[in-house]
Amino acid sequence: MNFVLIVIGGLLTLSGVVWTLQGIGILPGSAMSGEMLWAIVGPIVAVVGVGLISWGIARRRRGSKS
């Protein structure tokens, strides 16, 4: 379960970073490029992803100590 949280968190973080870069116009070539919505949604998704990674790592550490 912890591994799944870490993998999903990593994917969400990566997606959020890409969406942010597309939203602010750094990564062109997509329908999302230059759209303010993705510049707002991207960081939110990235933060959720980092939270899932942190939660998965914390659960893994807690589980290995018992």
PDB file of N, CA and C in Angstrom:
ATOM      1  N   MET A   1       0.822  -1.200   0.000  1.00  0.00           N
ATOM      2  CA  MET A   1       0.000   0.000   0.000  1.00  0.00           C
ATOM      3  C   MET A   1       0.864   1.263   0.000  1.00  0.00           C
ATOM      4  N   ASN A   2       1.950   1.226   0.789  1.00  0.00           N
ATOM      5  CA  ASN A   2       2.817   2.400   0.848  1.00  0.00           C
ATOM      6  C   ASN A   2       3.460   2.672  -0.506  1.00  0.00           C
ATOM      7  N   PHE A   3       3.871   1.619  -1.186  1.00  0.00           N
ATOM      8  CA  PHE A   3       4.481   1.764  -2.501  1.00  0.00           C
ATOM      9  C   PHE A   3       3.500   2.395  -3.478  1.00  0.00           C
ATOM     10  N   VAL A   4       2.245   2.001  -3.395  1.00  0.00           N
ATOM     11  CA  VAL A   4       1.208   2.543  -4.277  1.00  0.00           C
ATOM     12  C   VAL A   4       1.025   4.039  -4.015  1.00  0.00           C
ATOM     13  N   LEU A   5       1.006   4.430  -2.749  1.00  0.00           N
ATOM     14  CA  LEU A   5       0.880   5.852  -2.412  1.00  0.00           C
ATOM     15  C   LEU A   5       2.044   6.650  -2.976  1.00  0.00           C
ATOM     16  N   ILE A   6       3.235   6.107  -2.862  1.00  0.00           N
ATOM     17  CA  ILE A   6       4.426   6.801  -3.348  1.00  0.00           C
ATOM     18  C   ILE A   6       4.385   6.924  -4.873  1.00  0.00           C
ATOM     19  N   VAL A   7       4.007   5.865  -5.558  1.00  0.00           N
ATOM     20  CA  VAL A   7       3.949   5.903  -7.026  1.00  0.00           C
ATOM     21  C   VAL A   7       2.866   6.871  -7.497  1.00  0.00           C
ATOM     22  N   ILE A   8       1.686   6.803  -6.917  1.00  0.00           N
ATOM     23  CA  ILE A   8       0.609   7.711  -7.310  1.00  0.00           C
ATOM     24  C   ILE A   8       0.996   9.156  -6.990  1.00  0.00           C
ATOM     25  N   GLY A   9       1.623   9.355  -5.845  1.00  0.00           N
ATOM     26  CA  GLY A   9       2.086  10.696  -5.489  1.00  0.00           C
ATOM     27  C   GLY A   9       3.106  11.222  -6.478  1.00  0.00           C
ATOM     28  N   GLY A  10       4.018  10.365  -6.903  1.00  0.00           N
ATOM     29  CA  GLY A  10       5.019  10.772  -7.888  1.00  0.00           C
ATOM     30  C   GLY A  10       4.385  11.138  -9.218  1.00  0.00           C
ATOM     31  N   LEU A  11       3.420  10.350  -9.647  1.00  0.00           N
ATOM     32  CA  LEU A  11       2.727  10.648 -10.906  1.00  0.00           C
ATOM     33  C   LEU A  11       1.933  11.948 -10.821  1.00  0.00           C
ATOM     34  N   LEU A  12       1.268  12.161  -9.689  1.00  0.00           N
ATOM     35  CA  LEU A  12       0.515  13.405  -9.509  1.00  0.00           C
ATOM     36  C   LEU A  12       1.455  14.610  -9.473  1.00  0.00           C
ATOM     37  N   THR A  13       2.583  14.460  -8.799  1.00  0.00           N
ATOM     38  CA  THR A  13       3.546  15.557  -8.732  1.00  0.00           C
ATOM     39  C   THR A  13       4.078  15.889 -10.115  1.00  0.00           C
ATOM     40  N   LEU A  14       4.458  14.872 -10.856  1.00  0.00           N
ATOM     41  CA  LEU A  14       4.962  15.085 -12.212  1.00  0.00           C
ATOM     42  C   LEU A  14       3.897  15.734 -13.103  1.00  0.00           C
ATOM     43  N   SER A  15       2.679  15.242 -13.029  1.00  0.00           N
ATOM     44  CA  SER A  15       1.586  15.813 -13.819  1.00  0.00           C
ATOM     45  C   SER A  15       1.334  17.267 -13.436  1.00  0.00           C
ATOM     46  N   GLY A  16       1.339  17.542 -12.144  1.00  0.00           N
ATOM     47  CA  GLY A  16       1.115  18.906 -11.685  1.00  0.00           C
ATOM     48  C   GLY A  16       2.184  19.870 -12.166  1.00  0.00           C
ATOM     49  N   VAL A  17       3.439  19.420 -12.162  1.00  0.00           N
ATOM     50  CA  VAL A  17       4.527  20.271 -12.650  1.00  0.00           C
ATOM     51  C   VAL A  17       4.364  20.534 -14.144  1.00  0.00           C
ATOM     52  N   VAL A  18       4.046  19.492 -14.903  1.00  0.00           N
ATOM     53  CA  VAL A  18       3.857  19.660 -16.353  1.00  0.00           C
ATOM     54  C   VAL A  18       2.683  20.596 -16.625  1.00  0.00           C
ATOM     55  N   TRP A  19       1.581  20.405 -15.922  1.00  0.00           N
ATOM     56  CA  TRP A  19       0.418  21.264 -16.128  1.00  0.00           C
ATOM     57  C   TRP A  19       0.742  22.713 -15.786  1.00  0.00           C
ATOM     58  N   THR A  20       1.497  22.917 -14.715  1.00  0.00           N
ATOM     59  CA  THR A  20       1.879  24.270 -14.336  1.00  0.00           C
ATOM     60  C   THR A  20       2.724  24.910 -15.429  1.00  0.00           C
ATOM     61  N   LEU A  21       3.715  24.184 -15.912  1.00  0.00           N
ATOM     62  CA  LEU A  21       4.590  24.719 -16.955  1.00  0.00           C
ATOM     63  C   LEU A  21       3.819  24.998 -18.240  1.00  0.00           C
ATOM     64  N   GLN A  22       2.854  24.159 -18.558  1.00  0.00           N
ATOM     65  CA  GLN A  22       2.024  24.423 -19.730  1.00  0.00           C
ATOM     66  C   GLN A  22       1.123  25.630 -19.491  1.00  0.00           C
ATOM     67  N   GLY A  23       0.580  25.725 -18.311  1.00  0.00           N
ATOM     68  CA  GLY A  23      -0.327  26.832 -18.004  1.00  0.00           C
ATOM     69  C   GLY A  23       0.353  28.187 -18.049  1.00  0.00           C
ATOM     70  N   ILE A  24       1.622  28.244 -17.656  1.00  0.00           N
ATOM     71  CA  ILE A  24       2.317  29.535 -17.693  1.00  0.00           C
ATOM     72  C   ILE A  24       3.052  29.754 -19.007  1.00  0.00           C
ATOM     73  N   GLY A  25       2.933  28.792 -19.924  1.00  0.00           N
ATOM     74  CA  GLY A  25       3.442  28.977 -21.275  1.00  0.00           C
ATOM     75  C   GLY A  25       4.880  28.544 -21.513  1.00  0.00           C
ATOM     76  N   ILE A  26       5.491  27.844 -20.566  1.00  0.00           N
ATOM     77  CA  ILE A  26       6.870  27.385 -20.756  1.00  0.00           C
ATOM     78  C   ILE A  26       6.917  26.140 -21.649  1.00  0.00           C
ATOM     79  N   LEU A  27       5.939  25.249 -21.510  1.00  0.00           N
ATOM     80  CA  LEU A  27       5.849  24.062 -22.366  1.00  0.00           C
ATOM     81  C   LEU A  27       4.726  24.273 -23.386  1.00  0.00           C
ATOM     82  N   PRO A  28       5.055  24.709 -24.583  1.00  0.00           N
ATOM     83  CA  PRO A  28       4.016  24.951 -25.589  1.00  0.00           C
ATOM     84  C   PRO A  28       3.616  23.664 -26.303  1.00  0.00           C
ATOM     85  N   GLY A  29       2.625  23.760 -27.168  1.00  0.00           N
ATOM     86  CA  GLY A  29       2.238  22.648 -28.018  1.00  0.00           C
ATOM     87  C   GLY A  29       1.067  21.838 -27.512  1.00  0.00           C
ATOM     88  N   SER A  30       0.287  22.391 -26.613  1.00  0.00           N
ATOM     89  CA  SER A  30      -0.848  21.675 -26.061  1.00  0.00           C
ATOM     90  C   SER A  30      -2.028  22.630 -25.955  1.00  0.00           C
ATOM     91  N   ALA A  31      -3.209  22.065 -25.840  1.00  0.00           N
ATOM     92  CA  ALA A  31      -4.399  22.894 -25.626  1.00  0.00           C
ATOM     93  C   ALA A  31      -4.342  23.585 -24.266  1.00  0.00           C
ATOM     94  N   MET A  32      -3.520  23.057 -23.349  1.00  0.00           N
ATOM     95  CA  MET A  32      -3.378  23.643 -22.018  1.00  0.00           C
ATOM     96  C   MET A  32      -2.396  24.806 -22.005  1.00  0.00           C
ATOM     97  N   SER A  33      -1.601  24.954 -23.048  1.00  0.00           N
ATOM     98  CA  SER A  33      -0.559  25.979 -23.072  1.00  0.00           C
ATOM     99  C   SER A  33      -1.155  27.379 -22.999  1.00  0.00           C
ATOM    100  N   GLY A  34      -0.648  28.143 -22.050  1.00  0.00           N
ATOM    101  CA  GLY A  34      -1.090  29.518 -21.893  1.00  0.00           C
ATOM    102  C   GLY A  34      -2.435  29.688 -21.207  1.00  0.00           C
ATOM    103  N   GLU A  35      -3.028  28.620 -20.716  1.00  0.00           N
ATOM    104  CA  GLU A  35      -4.326  28.695 -20.047  1.00  0.00           C
ATOM    105  C   GLU A  35      -4.125  28.851 -18.541  1.00  0.00           C
ATOM    106  N   MET A  36      -4.686  29.902 -17.982  1.00  0.00           N
ATOM    107  CA  MET A  36      -4.514  30.206 -16.564  1.00  0.00           C
ATOM    108  C   MET A  36      -5.069  29.103 -15.666  1.00  0.00           C
ATOM    109  N   LEU A  37      -6.104  28.407 -16.111  1.00  0.00           N
ATOM    110  CA  LEU A  37      -6.678  27.324 -15.313  1.00  0.00           C
ATOM    111  C   LEU A  37      -5.613  26.299 -14.934  1.00  0.00           C
ATOM    112  N   TRP A  38      -4.774  25.926 -15.896  1.00  0.00           N
ATOM    113  CA  TRP A  38      -3.749  24.905 -15.636  1.00  0.00           C
ATOM    114  C   TRP A  38      -2.601  25.449 -14.805  1.00  0.00           C
ATOM    115  N   ALA A  39      -2.393  26.752 -14.847  1.00  0.00           N
ATOM    116  CA  ALA A  39      -1.387  27.373 -13.984  1.00  0.00           C
ATOM    117  C   ALA A  39      -1.843  27.378 -12.526  1.00  0.00           C
ATOM    118  N   ILE A  40      -3.140  27.227 -12.313  1.00  0.00           N
ATOM    119  CA  ILE A  40      -3.692  27.175 -10.952  1.00  0.00           C
ATOM    120  C   ILE A  40      -3.866  25.726 -10.495  1.00  0.00           C
ATOM    121  N   VAL A  41      -4.417  24.888 -11.360  1.00  0.00           N
ATOM    122  CA  VAL A  41      -4.684  23.484 -11.012  1.00  0.00           C
ATOM    123  C   VAL A  41      -3.373  22.698 -10.846  1.00  0.00           C
ATOM    124  N   GLY A  42      -2.381  22.982 -11.672  1.00  0.00           N
ATOM    125  CA  GLY A  42      -1.114  22.255 -11.640  1.00  0.00           C
ATOM    126  C   GLY A  42      -0.439  22.252 -10.285  1.00  0.00           C
ATOM    127  N   PRO A  43      -0.204  23.424  -9.666  1.00  0.00           N
ATOM    128  CA  PRO A  43       0.443  23.420  -8.355  1.00  0.00           C
ATOM    129  C   PRO A  43      -0.380  22.712  -7.279  1.00  0.00           C
ATOM    130  N   ILE A  44      -1.697  22.810  -7.380  1.00  0.00           N
ATOM    131  CA  ILE A  44      -2.549  22.121  -6.402  1.00  0.00           C
ATOM    132  C   ILE A  44      -2.354  20.613  -6.513  1.00  0.00           C
ATOM    133  N   VAL A  45      -2.362  20.105  -7.736  1.00  0.00           N
ATOM    134  CA  VAL A  45      -2.165  18.668  -7.956  1.00  0.00           C
ATOM    135  C   VAL A  45      -0.759  18.253  -7.503  1.00  0.00           C
ATOM    136  N   ALA A  46       0.235  19.085  -7.776  1.00  0.00           N
ATOM    137  CA  ALA A  46       1.610  18.773  -7.370  1.00  0.00           C
ATOM    138  C   ALA A  46       1.731  18.699  -5.850  1.00  0.00           C
ATOM    139  N   VAL A  47       1.091  19.611  -5.146  1.00  0.00           N
ATOM    140  CA  VAL A  47       1.141  19.603  -3.684  1.00  0.00           C
ATOM    141  C   VAL A  47       0.449  18.359  -3.126  1.00  0.00           C
ATOM    142  N   VAL A  48      -0.667  17.979  -3.718  1.00  0.00           N
ATOM    143  CA  VAL A  48      -1.351  16.748  -3.300  1.00  0.00           C
ATOM    144  C   VAL A  48      -0.425  15.545  -3.527  1.00  0.00           C
ATOM    145  N   GLY A  49       0.269  15.534  -4.663  1.00  0.00           N
ATOM    146  CA  GLY A  49       1.205  14.456  -4.955  1.00  0.00           C
ATOM    147  C   GLY A  49       2.335  14.378  -3.939  1.00  0.00           C
ATOM    148  N   VAL A  50       2.906  15.523  -3.596  1.00  0.00           N
ATOM    149  CA  VAL A  50       3.976  15.547  -2.589  1.00  0.00           C
ATOM    150  C   VAL A  50       3.436  15.061  -1.246  1.00  0.00           C
ATOM    151  N   GLY A  51       2.210  15.438  -0.930  1.00  0.00           N
ATOM    152  CA  GLY A  51       1.586  14.956   0.309  1.00  0.00           C
ATOM    153  C   GLY A  51       1.433  13.447   0.323  1.00  0.00           C
ATOM    154  N   LEU A  52       1.016  12.864  -0.794  1.00  0.00           N
ATOM    155  CA  LEU A  52       0.883  11.401  -0.861  1.00  0.00           C
ATOM    156  C   LEU A  52       2.245  10.721  -0.744  1.00  0.00           C
ATOM    157  N   ILE A  53       3.266  11.295  -1.374  1.00  0.00           N
ATOM    158  CA  ILE A  53       4.610  10.728  -1.248  1.00  0.00           C
ATOM    159  C   ILE A  53       5.045  10.764   0.211  1.00  0.00           C
ATOM    160  N   SER A  54       4.857  11.897   0.860  1.00  0.00           N
ATOM    161  CA  SER A  54       5.252  12.034   2.266  1.00  0.00           C
ATOM    162  C   SER A  54       4.496  11.052   3.149  1.00  0.00           C
ATOM    163  N   TRP A  55       3.205  10.920   2.902  1.00  0.00           N
ATOM    164  CA  TRP A  55       2.386  10.001   3.684  1.00  0.00           C
ATOM    165  C   TRP A  55       2.842   8.558   3.477  1.00  0.00           C
ATOM    166  N   GLY A  56       3.119   8.193   2.232  1.00  0.00           N
ATOM    167  CA  GLY A  56       3.585   6.837   1.950  1.00  0.00           C
ATOM    168  C   GLY A  56       4.921   6.535   2.606  1.00  0.00           C
ATOM    169  N   ILE A  57       5.837   7.500   2.573  1.00  0.00           N
ATOM    170  CA  ILE A  57       7.144   7.300   3.217  1.00  0.00           C
ATOM    171  C   ILE A  57       6.991   7.214   4.726  1.00  0.00           C
ATOM    172  N   ALA A  58       6.157   8.068   5.306  1.00  0.00           N
ATOM    173  CA  ALA A  58       5.944   8.037   6.755  1.00  0.00           C
ATOM    174  C   ALA A  58       5.323   6.705   7.188  1.00  0.00           C
ATOM    175  N   ARG A  59       4.367   6.218   6.399  1.00  0.00           N
ATOM    176  CA  ARG A  59       3.751   4.926   6.740  1.00  0.00           C
ATOM    177  C   ARG A  59       4.753   3.798   6.618  1.00  0.00           C
ATOM    178  N   ARG A  60       5.631   3.879   5.622  1.00  0.00           N
ATOM    179  CA  ARG A  60       6.634   2.842   5.441  1.00  0.00           C
ATOM    180  C   ARG A  60       7.604   2.827   6.616  1.00  0.00           C
ATOM    181  N   ARG A  61       8.040   4.010   7.047  1.00  0.00           N
ATOM    182  CA  ARG A  61       8.969   4.102   8.178  1.00  0.00           C
ATOM    183  C   ARG A  61       8.309   3.623   9.471  1.00  0.00           C
ATOM    184  N   ARG A  62       7.066   4.023   9.693  1.00  0.00           N
ATOM    185  CA  ARG A  62       6.347   3.597  10.883  1.00  0.00           C
ATOM    186  C   ARG A  62       6.147   2.088  10.888  1.00  0.00           C
ATOM    187  N   GLY A  63       5.864   1.528   9.740  1.00  0.00           N
ATOM    188  CA  GLY A  63       5.633   0.093   9.636  1.00  0.00           C
ATOM    189  C   GLY A  63       6.895  -0.726   9.843  1.00  0.00           C
ATOM    190  N   SER A  64       8.044  -0.200   9.458  1.00  0.00           N
ATOM    191  CA  SER A  64       9.287  -0.957   9.613  1.00  0.00           C
ATOM    192  C   SER A  64       9.816  -0.922  11.035  1.00  0.00           C
ATOM    193  N   LYS A  65       9.384   0.030  11.859  1.00  0.00           N
ATOM    194  CA  LYS A  65       9.847   0.113  13.243  1.00  0.00           C
ATOM    195  C   LYS A  65       9.109  -0.845  14.146  1.00  0.00           C
ATOM    196  N   SER A  66       7.883  -1.246  13.767  1.00  0.00           N
ATOM    197  CA  SER A  66       7.129  -2.130  14.650  1.00  0.00           C
ATOM    198  C   SER A  66       7.504  -3.569  14.481  1.00  0.00           C
TER     199      SER A  66
END
